[in-house]
Amino acid sequence: MKRAEVISKTLNDMFPHAKVELNFANTFELLVAVVLSAQTTDISVNKVTPSLFFQYPTPKDLKDAPLEKIEQLIRSIGLYRNKAKNIKELARIIDEVYEGTVPSDRERLESLPGVGRKTTNVVLSNAFNIPAFAVDTHVARVSVRLGLAKKGDSVLEIEKKLMKAFPKTEWLRLHHQMIFFGRYHCLAKNPKCYECPLYDLCVSEDKMIL
């Protein structure tokens, strides 16, 4: 069995129910939550979005909200001032340009404030079931440690290698499972090498000697 097949099967056995850990009720809320999650934990984002979405549930509501009020609601997360500006402006564009509906194509999504390739991939795959492989810090770290990418590869290079290694039908599932693997098992510091079912495939120079 090839390396990629072993990894796919093992991660599916370990985390069969892995999914987005951000809380959202619709595509607009997903987009805003992912923008807010940049350089911030999902747990932190989930603490501020209930009040934000309750007070401003639609793009029109959020675009008309005072910037200071948005900042106040999300001030506990990193880069909150810049993120407040971004979500207010993307809400305006979605309301005025796209008639209140989040666009479902890459070019228009990536043109929105605060929305990069990773955020676009998350929205495309989770909201619209369009195959995409979002690479965050966990996915990047795990990919290098498991020999799916090389140390020093850019995020885009890692994404392309993962898309080549795995079938499109597995991209969304594996994105979440690799995040779970990196978040709860193959940690940046003190990874759980002693109980890792993928230990033999790990090429990390820092892996624990058992």
Protein backbone atom coordinates (compact mmCIF):
# COMPACT_ATOMS: atom_id res chain seq x y z
CA MET A 1 0.00 0.00 0.00
CA LYS A 2 1.33 3.46 -0.94
CA ARG A 3 2.28 6.03 1.71
CA ALA A 4 -0.71 8.24 0.90
CA GLU A 5 -3.13 5.31 1.09
CA VAL A 6 -1.79 4.24 4.50
CA ILE A 7 -2.05 7.79 5.79
CA SER A 8 -5.59 8.22 4.47
CA LYS A 9 -6.81 4.95 5.98
CA THR A 10 -5.08 5.53 9.32
CA LEU A 11 -6.40 9.08 9.75
CA ASN A 12 -9.88 7.92 8.83
CA ASP A 13 -9.65 5.25 11.52
CA MET A 14 -8.35 7.75 14.07
CA PHE A 15 -10.75 10.61 13.34
CA PRO A 16 -13.79 9.30 11.44
CA HIS A 17 -15.95 12.24 12.50
CA ALA A 18 -13.48 15.10 12.06
CA LYS A 19 -15.15 18.32 10.91
CA VAL A 20 -14.91 22.09 11.14
CA GLU A 21 -14.70 23.10 14.80
CA LEU A 22 -15.85 26.65 14.13
CA ASN A 23 -19.51 27.24 14.98
CA PHE A 24 -21.69 28.56 12.16
CA ALA A 25 -25.25 28.27 10.89
CA ASN A 26 -24.85 29.31 7.24
CA THR A 27 -22.29 30.13 4.56
CA PHE A 28 -21.97 33.78 5.56
CA GLU A 29 -21.26 32.86 9.17
CA LEU A 30 -18.71 30.26 8.03
CA LEU A 31 -16.89 32.83 5.91
CA VAL A 32 -16.77 35.40 8.72
CA ALA A 33 -15.67 32.79 11.27
CA VAL A 34 -12.82 31.57 9.06
CA VAL A 35 -11.63 35.14 8.45
CA LEU A 36 -11.66 35.73 12.21
CA SER A 37 -9.73 32.49 12.84
CA ALA A 38 -6.54 33.66 11.14
CA GLN A 39 -3.67 33.38 13.66
CA THR A 40 -6.28 32.65 16.34
CA THR A 41 -7.66 29.41 17.75
CA ASP A 42 -11.11 28.15 16.80
CA ILE A 43 -11.98 28.09 20.50
CA SER A 44 -11.31 31.83 20.76
CA VAL A 45 -13.39 32.55 17.67
CA ASN A 46 -16.29 30.45 18.95
CA LYS A 47 -16.39 32.61 22.09
CA VAL A 48 -17.03 35.84 20.16
CA THR A 49 -19.16 34.78 17.20
CA PRO A 50 -22.42 33.98 19.08
CA SER A 51 -22.86 37.62 20.10
CA LEU A 52 -21.59 38.90 16.74
CA PHE A 53 -23.97 36.74 14.71
CA PHE A 54 -26.89 37.38 17.07
CA GLN A 55 -26.57 41.14 16.69
CA TYR A 56 -25.58 41.13 13.01
CA PRO A 57 -26.98 37.97 11.38
CA THR A 58 -26.89 39.12 7.74
CA PRO A 59 -24.36 40.86 5.48
CA LYS A 60 -26.56 43.98 5.50
CA ASP A 61 -26.70 44.02 9.30
CA LEU A 62 -22.92 43.66 9.59
CA LYS A 63 -22.08 46.23 6.93
CA ASP A 64 -24.28 48.81 8.71
CA ALA A 65 -22.81 48.05 12.15
CA PRO A 66 -20.55 50.68 13.74
CA LEU A 67 -16.93 49.60 13.38
CA GLU A 68 -16.31 50.33 17.07
CA LYS A 69 -19.12 47.96 18.04
CA ILE A 70 -17.72 45.16 15.90
CA GLU A 71 -14.29 45.73 17.45
CA GLN A 72 -15.79 45.56 20.91
CA LEU A 73 -17.48 42.24 20.17
CA ILE A 74 -14.32 40.56 18.82
CA ARG A 75 -11.61 42.37 20.81
CA SER A 76 -10.53 39.18 22.64
CA ILE A 77 -9.10 37.63 19.46
CA GLY A 78 -5.84 38.50 17.77
CA LEU A 79 -5.68 41.29 15.18
CA TYR A 80 -9.25 42.25 16.05
CA ARG A 81 -9.09 45.80 14.66
CA ASN A 82 -7.98 44.70 11.20
CA LYS A 83 -10.41 41.77 11.23
CA ALA A 84 -13.29 44.05 12.20
CA LYS A 85 -12.55 46.27 9.17
CA ASN A 86 -12.32 43.24 6.90
CA ILE A 87 -15.58 41.58 7.93
CA LYS A 88 -17.48 44.87 7.78
CA GLU A 89 -16.20 45.55 4.26
CA LEU A 90 -16.70 41.99 2.99
CA ALA A 91 -20.25 42.16 4.35
CA ARG A 92 -20.79 45.37 2.36
CA ILE A 93 -19.50 43.79 -0.84
CA ILE A 94 -21.60 40.65 -0.37
CA ASP A 95 -24.71 42.74 0.31
CA GLU A 96 -24.23 45.33 -2.43
CA VAL A 97 -22.42 43.40 -5.16
CA TYR A 98 -23.62 39.83 -4.65
CA GLU A 99 -27.15 40.58 -3.40
CA GLY A 100 -26.49 39.16 0.06
CA THR A 101 -25.20 35.79 -1.14
CA VAL A 102 -21.65 34.55 -0.59
CA PRO A 103 -20.11 33.85 -4.02
CA SER A 104 -19.22 30.26 -4.81
CA ASP A 105 -16.20 30.72 -7.07
CA ARG A 106 -12.55 31.14 -6.13
CA GLU A 107 -11.84 34.41 -7.91
CA ARG A 108 -14.68 36.34 -6.31
CA LEU A 109 -14.09 34.85 -2.87
CA GLU A 110 -10.38 35.67 -2.92
CA SER A 111 -11.19 39.26 -3.90
CA LEU A 112 -12.99 39.82 -0.59
CA PRO A 113 -11.12 41.63 2.24
CA GLY A 114 -9.30 39.27 4.59
CA VAL A 115 -10.00 36.25 2.40
CA GLY A 116 -6.95 34.37 1.14
CA ARG A 117 -6.51 31.03 -0.53
CA LYS A 118 -6.88 28.97 2.66
CA THR A 119 -10.11 30.68 3.66
CA THR A 120 -11.43 30.29 0.13
CA ASN A 121 -10.60 26.58 0.13
CA VAL A 122 -12.41 26.09 3.45
CA VAL A 123 -15.54 27.86 2.20
CA LEU A 124 -15.55 26.18 -1.21
CA SER A 125 -15.21 22.69 0.22
CA ASN A 126 -17.37 22.99 3.34
CA ALA A 127 -20.15 25.25 2.01
CA PHE A 128 -20.33 24.34 -1.66
CA ASN A 129 -18.84 20.81 -1.80
CA ILE A 130 -16.27 21.99 -4.35
CA PRO A 131 -13.09 19.89 -3.98
CA ALA A 132 -10.31 21.93 -2.35
CA PHE A 133 -7.50 21.15 0.10
CA ALA A 134 -7.07 23.94 2.64
CA VAL A 135 -3.59 24.05 4.21
CA ASP A 136 -3.25 25.61 7.66
CA THR A 137 -0.33 25.34 10.09
CA HIS A 138 -1.44 21.89 11.29
CA VAL A 139 -1.83 20.47 7.79
CA ALA A 140 1.50 21.94 6.72
CA ARG A 141 3.36 20.51 9.73
CA VAL A 142 1.80 17.07 9.41
CA SER A 143 2.44 16.97 5.66
CA VAL A 144 6.16 17.59 6.15
CA ARG A 145 6.49 15.13 9.05
CA LEU A 146 4.73 12.37 7.11
CA GLY A 147 6.84 12.85 4.00
CA LEU A 148 4.04 14.26 1.86
CA ALA A 149 5.90 17.55 1.46
CA LYS A 150 9.37 18.91 2.10
CA LYS A 151 10.57 21.28 4.80
CA GLY A 152 10.64 24.73 3.27
CA ASP A 153 7.77 24.11 0.86
CA SER A 154 5.35 27.01 0.56
CA VAL A 155 1.71 26.59 1.54
CA LEU A 156 0.76 26.49 -2.14
CA GLU A 157 3.42 23.86 -2.89
CA ILE A 158 2.12 21.72 -0.04
CA GLU A 159 -1.46 22.12 -1.27
CA LYS A 160 -0.50 21.01 -4.78
CA LYS A 161 1.38 17.98 -3.46
CA LEU A 162 -1.56 16.92 -1.30
CA MET A 163 -3.99 17.30 -4.20
CA LYS A 164 -1.73 15.11 -6.29
CA ALA A 165 -1.27 12.48 -3.57
CA PHE A 166 -4.94 11.99 -2.69
CA PRO A 167 -8.13 11.60 -4.76
CA LYS A 168 -10.44 14.62 -4.94
CA THR A 169 -13.11 12.69 -3.10
CA GLU A 170 -10.85 12.56 -0.02
CA TRP A 171 -9.68 16.17 0.12
CA LEU A 172 -12.37 17.58 2.42
CA ARG A 173 -12.26 14.61 4.79
CA LEU A 174 -8.47 14.57 4.95
CA HIS A 175 -8.25 18.32 5.47
CA HIS A 176 -10.22 17.97 8.69
CA GLN A 177 -8.51 14.75 9.74
CA MET A 178 -5.02 16.20 9.23
CA ILE A 179 -6.03 19.21 11.33
CA PHE A 180 -7.27 16.91 14.10
CA PHE A 181 -4.10 14.82 13.83
CA GLY A 182 -1.93 17.93 14.17
CA ARG A 183 -4.08 19.57 16.83
CA TYR A 184 -4.57 16.58 19.12
CA HIS A 185 -1.82 14.06 18.28
CA CYS A 186 1.09 15.25 16.16
CA LEU A 187 1.52 18.46 18.14
CA ALA A 188 4.09 21.12 17.25
CA LYS A 189 5.72 20.55 20.64
CA ASN A 190 5.77 17.18 22.38
CA PRO A 191 4.02 15.15 19.67
CA LYS A 192 2.60 11.82 20.84
CA CYS A 193 5.15 9.70 18.98
CA TYR A 194 4.93 6.91 21.56
CA GLU A 195 1.38 6.07 20.50
CA CYS A 196 1.42 7.13 16.86
CA PRO A 197 0.14 4.58 14.33
CA LEU A 198 2.03 6.48 11.61
CA TYR A 199 5.35 6.47 13.47
CA ASP A 200 7.09 4.32 10.85
CA LEU A 201 6.12 6.75 8.07
CA CYS A 202 7.30 9.82 9.98
CA VAL A 203 10.40 11.44 8.49
CA SER A 204 10.71 14.25 11.04
CA GLU A 205 14.20 14.81 12.38
CA ASP A 206 12.62 15.64 15.72
CA LYS A 207 10.57 12.49 16.15
CA MET A 208 10.99 10.65 19.44
CA ILE A 209 13.25 7.60 19.45
CA LEU A 210 11.21 4.73 20.85
